[in-house]
Every structure is written in C-alpha cells, then in structure tokens.
Amino acid sequence: METTLGTIIKEKPGVLYSVAPEASVQEAVNVMVEGGVGCVMVMKQGRLEGLFTERDLMHRVVGREIDPSQITTSEVMTREIATVSPKLTVGEAMALCTEKRLRHLPVYEGETLIGMVSSGDLTKYAVSEQQHTIEDLIKYISG
C-alpha cells in the first residue's frame, strides 16, 4: 500500500465541504447531504477549527434530542483531529485511522489544507492495490 495521500487527493474532486463555526447544525447537515459526504470541515478565517461528522450529529444532537437549527456546529464538532501529510502512504493512514478510531483525515502540505481523505477512500485504494498484486501474481504463476 505504497500509494500516498497526495496521489489520492490529486485524483479526488477538488471540492472541500466546509461551514463556519457559527453555522447551525442544520446548515452543516444540508451541506453534507448536498455534497454526499459524511463530514464537513469547520473553518474560521481559513483555519480548520474542527470536523462535524455524522457521528457528531447522532451522538451530540439527535441522541440528546437537540433541535439542529438551534445549535451551532462549534458546540458539537469534533475538536481533536489528526492532520496528515500528503507523503503518508495509504497503509500508514489506515493504521492511524484504526489506532485512533478516525474516519476522516485532513491533509496538509505545510500550512496549506489541500484536501481530506476518508476511511472509505483509503479502503478503495488498498483494495485496488491488492487487486493489482493478485493479478500480477496470477500472470506470473500462469506464465
């Protein structure tokens, strides 16, 4: 699993979904639904403040019977996030996600946010790499 996160970022659509910290949870959910994503970045003046995820919605809003239009994303977002370099490999990123129970990794090149990868993205690339290895082995064995 030698593919780097930089490679994945280059192949993904360039859209980064984000909301301001003062956006309501309902607004964040609308962005997530429109984008077909399970997470939005909570950004303030170009700086990543946290992530708002489907898990945050379920545990911190719906589970507590809070009206999503009456609470801001900053009140319920995940603040402790891991950011990674585009040089990290898929295997290294998968290990990090497993160890820290993460589903989304913002990718930074220096101080610049260049994208985000999800555990689904990582799984897709890992499976693809393994499929290529299997095909190569079959060709080698078959002669």
N, C-alpha and C. Protein backbone atom coordinates (compact mmCIF):
# COMPACT_ATOMS: atom_id res chain seq x y z
N MET A 1 0.84 -1.17 0.00
CA MET A 1 0.00 0.00 0.00
C MET A 1 0.88 1.24 0.00
N GLU A 2 1.54 1.40 -1.11
CA GLU A 2 2.52 2.48 -1.24
C GLU A 2 1.95 3.76 -1.82
N THR A 3 0.71 3.76 -2.27
CA THR A 3 0.10 4.98 -2.78
C THR A 3 0.09 6.02 -1.67
N THR A 4 0.43 7.25 -2.00
CA THR A 4 0.44 8.31 -0.99
C THR A 4 -0.89 9.04 -0.98
N LEU A 5 -1.14 9.73 0.11
CA LEU A 5 -2.37 10.51 0.21
C LEU A 5 -2.38 11.65 -0.81
N GLY A 6 -1.19 12.15 -1.16
CA GLY A 6 -1.11 13.18 -2.19
C GLY A 6 -1.67 12.69 -3.51
N THR A 7 -1.40 11.43 -3.85
CA THR A 7 -1.94 10.84 -5.07
C THR A 7 -3.46 10.76 -5.01
N ILE A 8 -3.98 10.34 -3.87
CA ILE A 8 -5.43 10.25 -3.70
C ILE A 8 -6.07 11.63 -3.84
N ILE A 9 -5.48 12.63 -3.20
CA ILE A 9 -6.02 14.00 -3.26
C ILE A 9 -6.06 14.49 -4.70
N LYS A 10 -5.02 14.20 -5.48
CA LYS A 10 -4.98 14.65 -6.88
C LYS A 10 -6.08 14.02 -7.72
N GLU A 11 -6.46 12.79 -7.37
CA GLU A 11 -7.46 12.06 -8.14
C GLU A 11 -8.90 12.33 -7.69
N LYS A 12 -9.05 12.92 -6.49
CA LYS A 12 -10.39 13.22 -5.98
C LYS A 12 -10.87 14.55 -6.56
N PRO A 13 -12.19 14.73 -6.61
CA PRO A 13 -12.70 16.05 -6.99
C PRO A 13 -12.17 17.10 -6.03
N GLY A 14 -11.92 18.30 -6.52
CA GLY A 14 -11.29 19.35 -5.73
C GLY A 14 -12.19 20.05 -4.74
N VAL A 15 -13.36 19.53 -4.48
CA VAL A 15 -14.32 20.20 -3.60
C VAL A 15 -14.04 19.84 -2.15
N LEU A 16 -13.90 20.88 -1.32
CA LEU A 16 -13.79 20.68 0.13
C LEU A 16 -15.04 21.28 0.75
N TYR A 17 -15.77 20.49 1.47
CA TYR A 17 -17.02 20.94 2.07
C TYR A 17 -16.74 21.50 3.46
N SER A 18 -17.20 22.72 3.68
CA SER A 18 -16.94 23.35 4.97
C SER A 18 -18.09 24.26 5.37
N VAL A 19 -18.12 24.57 6.65
CA VAL A 19 -19.07 25.53 7.22
C VAL A 19 -18.31 26.37 8.23
N ALA A 20 -18.88 27.51 8.57
CA ALA A 20 -18.32 28.37 9.61
C ALA A 20 -18.72 27.82 10.98
N PRO A 21 -17.96 28.12 12.03
CA PRO A 21 -18.30 27.63 13.37
C PRO A 21 -19.68 28.06 13.84
N GLU A 22 -20.12 29.23 13.39
CA GLU A 22 -21.43 29.72 13.83
C GLU A 22 -22.59 29.18 12.99
N ALA A 23 -22.30 28.38 11.98
CA ALA A 23 -23.36 27.76 11.18
C ALA A 23 -24.15 26.80 12.06
N SER A 24 -25.43 26.74 11.83
CA SER A 24 -26.25 25.80 12.60
C SER A 24 -25.93 24.37 12.15
N VAL A 25 -26.22 23.44 13.00
CA VAL A 25 -26.06 22.04 12.65
C VAL A 25 -26.92 21.72 11.43
N GLN A 26 -28.10 22.30 11.36
CA GLN A 26 -28.96 22.06 10.20
C GLN A 26 -28.28 22.51 8.91
N GLU A 27 -27.61 23.65 8.94
CA GLU A 27 -26.88 24.12 7.77
C GLU A 27 -25.76 23.16 7.40
N ALA A 28 -25.05 22.67 8.40
CA ALA A 28 -23.97 21.72 8.15
C ALA A 28 -24.52 20.43 7.54
N VAL A 29 -25.64 19.96 8.06
CA VAL A 29 -26.26 18.74 7.53
C VAL A 29 -26.68 18.97 6.07
N ASN A 30 -27.22 20.14 5.77
CA ASN A 30 -27.60 20.44 4.40
C ASN A 30 -26.40 20.37 3.45
N VAL A 31 -25.27 20.92 3.89
CA VAL A 31 -24.05 20.86 3.08
C VAL A 31 -23.61 19.42 2.88
N MET A 32 -23.67 18.62 3.94
CA MET A 32 -23.27 17.22 3.85
C MET A 32 -24.18 16.46 2.88
N VAL A 33 -25.48 16.68 2.98
CA VAL A 33 -26.43 15.99 2.11
C VAL A 33 -26.22 16.40 0.65
N GLU A 34 -26.10 17.70 0.41
CA GLU A 34 -25.90 18.19 -0.96
C GLU A 34 -24.60 17.66 -1.56
N GLY A 35 -23.57 17.54 -0.74
CA GLY A 35 -22.28 17.06 -1.23
C GLY A 35 -22.13 15.55 -1.22
N GLY A 36 -23.06 14.86 -0.57
CA GLY A 36 -22.97 13.41 -0.46
C GLY A 36 -21.77 12.97 0.37
N VAL A 37 -21.49 13.74 1.42
CA VAL A 37 -20.33 13.45 2.28
C VAL A 37 -20.78 13.23 3.71
N GLY A 38 -19.94 12.56 4.49
CA GLY A 38 -20.27 12.26 5.88
C GLY A 38 -19.59 13.18 6.87
N CYS A 39 -18.95 14.24 6.36
CA CYS A 39 -18.19 15.12 7.23
C CYS A 39 -17.98 16.46 6.54
N VAL A 40 -18.05 17.53 7.31
CA VAL A 40 -17.66 18.86 6.81
C VAL A 40 -16.60 19.43 7.73
N MET A 41 -15.73 20.23 7.14
CA MET A 41 -14.72 20.91 7.94
C MET A 41 -15.34 22.19 8.50
N VAL A 42 -15.03 22.47 9.74
CA VAL A 42 -15.49 23.71 10.37
C VAL A 42 -14.31 24.67 10.30
N MET A 43 -14.47 25.71 9.47
CA MET A 43 -13.37 26.63 9.16
C MET A 43 -13.68 28.04 9.67
N LYS A 44 -12.67 28.68 10.22
CA LYS A 44 -12.78 30.07 10.65
C LYS A 44 -11.59 30.84 10.08
N GLN A 45 -11.88 31.81 9.22
CA GLN A 45 -10.85 32.63 8.58
C GLN A 45 -9.77 31.77 7.94
N GLY A 46 -10.20 30.72 7.24
CA GLY A 46 -9.28 29.86 6.53
C GLY A 46 -8.55 28.85 7.39
N ARG A 47 -8.86 28.80 8.66
CA ARG A 47 -8.20 27.88 9.58
C ARG A 47 -9.17 26.78 10.01
N LEU A 48 -8.69 25.55 10.02
CA LEU A 48 -9.51 24.41 10.43
C LEU A 48 -9.69 24.42 11.94
N GLU A 49 -10.94 24.53 12.37
CA GLU A 49 -11.26 24.55 13.80
C GLU A 49 -11.68 23.17 14.30
N GLY A 50 -12.26 22.37 13.41
CA GLY A 50 -12.75 21.05 13.80
C GLY A 50 -13.45 20.40 12.64
N LEU A 51 -14.03 19.24 12.90
CA LEU A 51 -14.81 18.50 11.92
C LEU A 51 -16.20 18.24 12.50
N PHE A 52 -17.19 18.34 11.64
CA PHE A 52 -18.54 17.96 12.05
C PHE A 52 -18.91 16.75 11.22
N THR A 53 -19.20 15.64 11.90
CA THR A 53 -19.41 14.36 11.24
C THR A 53 -20.81 13.81 11.51
N GLU A 54 -21.15 12.78 10.76
CA GLU A 54 -22.42 12.09 11.01
C GLU A 54 -22.47 11.55 12.44
N ARG A 55 -21.34 11.11 12.93
CA ARG A 55 -21.26 10.59 14.30
C ARG A 55 -21.57 11.71 15.30
N ASP A 56 -21.03 12.92 15.06
CA ASP A 56 -21.33 14.07 15.92
C ASP A 56 -22.83 14.35 15.92
N LEU A 57 -23.42 14.31 14.73
CA LEU A 57 -24.86 14.56 14.60
C LEU A 57 -25.66 13.56 15.43
N MET A 58 -25.32 12.29 15.31
CA MET A 58 -26.09 11.26 16.01
C MET A 58 -25.89 11.32 17.52
N HIS A 59 -24.65 11.43 17.96
CA HIS A 59 -24.36 11.35 19.39
C HIS A 59 -24.61 12.66 20.14
N ARG A 60 -24.29 13.77 19.52
CA ARG A 60 -24.31 15.04 20.24
C ARG A 60 -25.52 15.91 19.94
N VAL A 61 -26.32 15.52 18.94
CA VAL A 61 -27.50 16.32 18.60
C VAL A 61 -28.76 15.46 18.67
N VAL A 62 -28.90 14.52 17.76
CA VAL A 62 -30.11 13.69 17.70
C VAL A 62 -30.25 12.87 18.98
N GLY A 63 -29.15 12.28 19.44
CA GLY A 63 -29.19 11.46 20.64
C GLY A 63 -29.58 12.22 21.89
N ARG A 64 -29.36 13.52 21.86
CA ARG A 64 -29.73 14.37 23.00
C ARG A 64 -31.00 15.17 22.74
N GLU A 65 -31.66 14.83 21.64
CA GLU A 65 -32.93 15.46 21.25
C GLU A 65 -32.83 16.99 21.17
N ILE A 66 -31.71 17.46 20.57
CA ILE A 66 -31.50 18.90 20.36
C ILE A 66 -31.96 19.26 18.95
N ASP A 67 -32.63 20.38 18.83
CA ASP A 67 -33.08 20.87 17.53
C ASP A 67 -31.86 21.31 16.73
N PRO A 68 -31.58 20.69 15.56
CA PRO A 68 -30.39 21.03 14.77
C PRO A 68 -30.34 22.48 14.31
N SER A 69 -31.48 23.13 14.26
CA SER A 69 -31.47 24.53 13.83
C SER A 69 -31.17 25.48 14.99
N GLN A 70 -31.09 24.94 16.21
CA GLN A 70 -30.90 25.77 17.39
C GLN A 70 -29.53 25.61 18.04
N ILE A 71 -28.62 24.92 17.37
CA ILE A 71 -27.28 24.71 17.93
C ILE A 71 -26.25 24.90 16.82
N THR A 72 -25.11 25.45 17.18
CA THR A 72 -24.08 25.69 16.17
C THR A 72 -23.14 24.49 16.06
N THR A 73 -22.49 24.40 14.90
CA THR A 73 -21.55 23.30 14.70
C THR A 73 -20.40 23.36 15.69
N SER A 74 -19.98 24.57 16.07
CA SER A 74 -18.85 24.68 17.00
C SER A 74 -19.18 24.10 18.37
N GLU A 75 -20.45 24.03 18.70
CA GLU A 75 -20.84 23.47 20.00
C GLU A 75 -20.77 21.95 20.04
N VAL A 76 -20.81 21.31 18.88
CA VAL A 76 -20.89 19.85 18.86
C VAL A 76 -19.85 19.19 17.94
N MET A 77 -18.97 19.98 17.35
CA MET A 77 -17.98 19.42 16.42
C MET A 77 -16.91 18.63 17.16
N THR A 78 -16.19 17.82 16.42
CA THR A 78 -15.04 17.12 16.94
C THR A 78 -13.85 18.07 16.86
N ARG A 79 -13.25 18.32 18.01
CA ARG A 79 -12.14 19.29 18.07
C ARG A 79 -10.77 18.61 17.96
N GLU A 80 -10.66 17.43 18.50
CA GLU A 80 -9.39 16.72 18.45
C GLU A 80 -9.32 15.93 17.16
N ILE A 81 -8.58 16.47 16.21
CA ILE A 81 -8.48 15.83 14.91
C ILE A 81 -7.01 15.60 14.58
N ALA A 82 -6.76 14.60 13.78
CA ALA A 82 -5.41 14.33 13.29
C ALA A 82 -5.30 14.89 11.89
N THR A 83 -4.26 15.65 11.65
CA THR A 83 -3.98 16.11 10.30
C THR A 83 -2.74 15.37 9.82
N VAL A 84 -2.66 15.17 8.52
CA VAL A 84 -1.57 14.35 7.97
C VAL A 84 -0.94 15.02 6.77
N SER A 85 0.21 14.50 6.40
CA SER A 85 0.97 14.97 5.24
C SER A 85 0.55 14.19 4.00
N PRO A 86 0.66 14.82 2.82
CA PRO A 86 0.35 14.09 1.59
C PRO A 86 1.37 12.99 1.30
N LYS A 87 2.48 12.96 2.02
CA LYS A 87 3.51 11.94 1.83
C LYS A 87 3.18 10.64 2.55
N LEU A 88 2.20 10.68 3.44
CA LEU A 88 1.79 9.48 4.16
C LEU A 88 1.24 8.46 3.18
N THR A 89 1.55 7.18 3.38
CA THR A 89 1.03 6.15 2.49
C THR A 89 -0.36 5.71 2.95
N VAL A 90 -1.06 5.04 2.07
CA VAL A 90 -2.38 4.51 2.40
C VAL A 90 -2.29 3.59 3.61
N GLY A 91 -1.30 2.73 3.63
CA GLY A 91 -1.14 1.80 4.76
C GLY A 91 -0.92 2.53 6.07
N GLU A 92 -0.07 3.55 6.05
CA GLU A 92 0.19 4.33 7.26
C GLU A 92 -1.07 5.06 7.72
N ALA A 93 -1.81 5.62 6.75
CA ALA A 93 -3.05 6.33 7.09
C ALA A 93 -4.10 5.37 7.65
N MET A 94 -4.18 4.17 7.08
CA MET A 94 -5.14 3.18 7.59
C MET A 94 -4.79 2.79 9.02
N ALA A 95 -3.50 2.63 9.29
CA ALA A 95 -3.07 2.28 10.65
C ALA A 95 -3.44 3.40 11.62
N LEU A 96 -3.24 4.64 11.22
CA LEU A 96 -3.59 5.79 12.06
C LEU A 96 -5.10 5.82 12.32
N CYS A 97 -5.90 5.63 11.27
CA CYS A 97 -7.35 5.62 11.43
C CYS A 97 -7.80 4.52 12.38
N THR A 98 -7.20 3.35 12.26
CA THR A 98 -7.55 2.22 13.12
C THR A 98 -7.16 2.50 14.56
N GLU A 99 -5.93 2.97 14.75
CA GLU A 99 -5.41 3.23 16.09
C GLU A 99 -6.22 4.29 16.83
N LYS A 100 -6.57 5.36 16.13
CA LYS A 100 -7.24 6.49 16.77
C LYS A 100 -8.75 6.52 16.52
N ARG A 101 -9.25 5.49 15.83
CA ARG A 101 -10.68 5.37 15.52
C ARG A 101 -11.20 6.60 14.77
N LEU A 102 -10.50 6.94 13.69
CA LEU A 102 -10.83 8.10 12.86
C LEU A 102 -11.46 7.64 11.56
N ARG A 103 -12.28 8.52 10.99
CA ARG A 103 -12.86 8.24 9.68
C ARG A 103 -12.46 9.28 8.64
N HIS A 104 -11.93 10.40 9.09
CA HIS A 104 -11.58 11.49 8.17
C HIS A 104 -10.24 12.09 8.55
N LEU A 105 -9.39 12.31 7.54
CA LEU A 105 -8.07 12.88 7.76
C LEU A 105 -7.87 14.10 6.87
N PRO A 106 -7.84 15.30 7.45
CA PRO A 106 -7.47 16.48 6.67
C PRO A 106 -5.99 16.36 6.29
N VAL A 107 -5.70 16.69 5.03
CA VAL A 107 -4.33 16.56 4.51
C VAL A 107 -3.75 17.96 4.30
N TYR A 108 -2.61 18.19 4.94
CA TYR A 108 -1.93 19.49 4.87
C TYR A 108 -0.57 19.34 4.20
N GLU A 109 -0.26 20.29 3.33
CA GLU A 109 1.09 20.43 2.78
C GLU A 109 1.64 21.68 3.43
N GLY A 110 2.49 21.49 4.41
CA GLY A 110 2.95 22.62 5.21
C GLY A 110 1.79 23.19 5.99
N GLU A 111 1.50 24.46 5.78
CA GLU A 111 0.39 25.14 6.45
C GLU A 111 -0.89 25.16 5.60
N THR A 112 -0.84 24.57 4.41
CA THR A 112 -1.95 24.65 3.46
C THR A 112 -2.78 23.38 3.46
N LEU A 113 -4.07 23.54 3.69
CA LEU A 113 -5.01 22.42 3.61
C LEU A 113 -5.22 22.09 2.13
N ILE A 114 -4.87 20.88 1.73
CA ILE A 114 -5.00 20.52 0.32
C ILE A 114 -6.13 19.52 0.06
N GLY A 115 -6.73 18.98 1.10
CA GLY A 115 -7.82 18.04 0.88
C GLY A 115 -8.13 17.23 2.12
N MET A 116 -9.01 16.28 1.92
CA MET A 116 -9.38 15.38 3.01
C MET A 116 -9.59 13.99 2.42
N VAL A 117 -9.13 12.99 3.15
CA VAL A 117 -9.39 11.60 2.76
C VAL A 117 -10.21 10.94 3.85
N SER A 118 -11.07 10.05 3.42
CA SER A 118 -11.91 9.30 4.37
C SER A 118 -11.41 7.87 4.46
N SER A 119 -11.87 7.18 5.46
CA SER A 119 -11.50 5.76 5.59
C SER A 119 -12.00 4.99 4.37
N GLY A 120 -13.10 5.43 3.78
CA GLY A 120 -13.60 4.80 2.55
C GLY A 120 -12.64 4.99 1.38
N ASP A 121 -12.07 6.19 1.26
CA ASP A 121 -11.06 6.44 0.23
C ASP A 121 -9.88 5.50 0.41
N LEU A 122 -9.43 5.38 1.66
CA LEU A 122 -8.27 4.53 1.95
C LEU A 122 -8.55 3.07 1.62
N THR A 123 -9.73 2.60 1.99
CA THR A 123 -10.11 1.21 1.70
C THR A 123 -10.14 0.97 0.20
N LYS A 124 -10.71 1.91 -0.54
CA LYS A 124 -10.79 1.79 -2.01
C LYS A 124 -9.40 1.61 -2.61
N TYR A 125 -8.45 2.44 -2.19
CA TYR A 125 -7.10 2.35 -2.74
C TYR A 125 -6.38 1.10 -2.28
N ALA A 126 -6.59 0.69 -1.04
CA ALA A 126 -5.95 -0.53 -0.54
C ALA A 126 -6.45 -1.75 -1.32
N VAL A 127 -7.74 -1.83 -1.55
CA VAL A 127 -8.32 -2.94 -2.30
C VAL A 127 -7.80 -2.93 -3.73
N SER A 128 -7.74 -1.75 -4.33
CA SER A 128 -7.25 -1.63 -5.70
C SER A 128 -5.80 -2.11 -5.81
N GLU A 129 -4.96 -1.71 -4.86
CA GLU A 129 -3.56 -2.13 -4.88
C GLU A 129 -3.45 -3.64 -4.70
N GLN A 130 -4.25 -4.20 -3.81
CA GLN A 130 -4.21 -5.64 -3.59
C GLN A 130 -4.70 -6.39 -4.83
N GLN A 131 -5.70 -5.85 -5.51
CA GLN A 131 -6.21 -6.48 -6.72
C GLN A 131 -5.12 -6.51 -7.80
N HIS A 132 -4.38 -5.42 -7.92
CA HIS A 132 -3.28 -5.39 -8.90
C HIS A 132 -2.20 -6.42 -8.54
N THR A 133 -1.90 -6.54 -7.27
CA THR A 133 -0.91 -7.52 -6.83
C THR A 133 -1.38 -8.94 -7.14
N ILE A 134 -2.63 -9.22 -6.88
CA ILE A 134 -3.20 -10.54 -7.18
C ILE A 134 -3.12 -10.84 -8.67
N GLU A 135 -3.50 -9.85 -9.49
CA GLU A 135 -3.45 -10.03 -10.94
C GLU A 135 -2.02 -10.29 -11.42
N ASP A 136 -1.07 -9.55 -10.86
CA ASP A 136 0.34 -9.74 -11.24
C ASP A 136 0.83 -11.13 -10.84
N LEU A 137 0.43 -11.59 -9.65
CA LEU A 137 0.83 -12.92 -9.20
C LEU A 137 0.23 -14.02 -10.08
N ILE A 138 -1.02 -13.84 -10.46
CA ILE A 138 -1.67 -14.83 -11.33
C ILE A 138 -0.97 -14.88 -12.67
N LYS A 139 -0.62 -13.73 -13.22
CA LYS A 139 0.12 -13.69 -14.50
C LYS A 139 1.47 -14.37 -14.36
N TYR A 140 2.15 -14.12 -13.26
CA TYR A 140 3.47 -14.70 -13.03
C TYR A 140 3.38 -16.22 -12.92
N ILE A 141 2.40 -16.70 -12.15
CA ILE A 141 2.24 -18.14 -11.93
C ILE A 141 1.80 -18.83 -13.22
N SER A 142 0.90 -18.17 -13.96
CA SER A 142 0.37 -18.76 -15.18
C SER A 142 1.40 -18.76 -16.32
N GLY A 143 2.39 -17.94 -16.19
CA GLY A 143 3.45 -17.91 -17.19
C GLY A 143 3.11 -16.99 -18.26
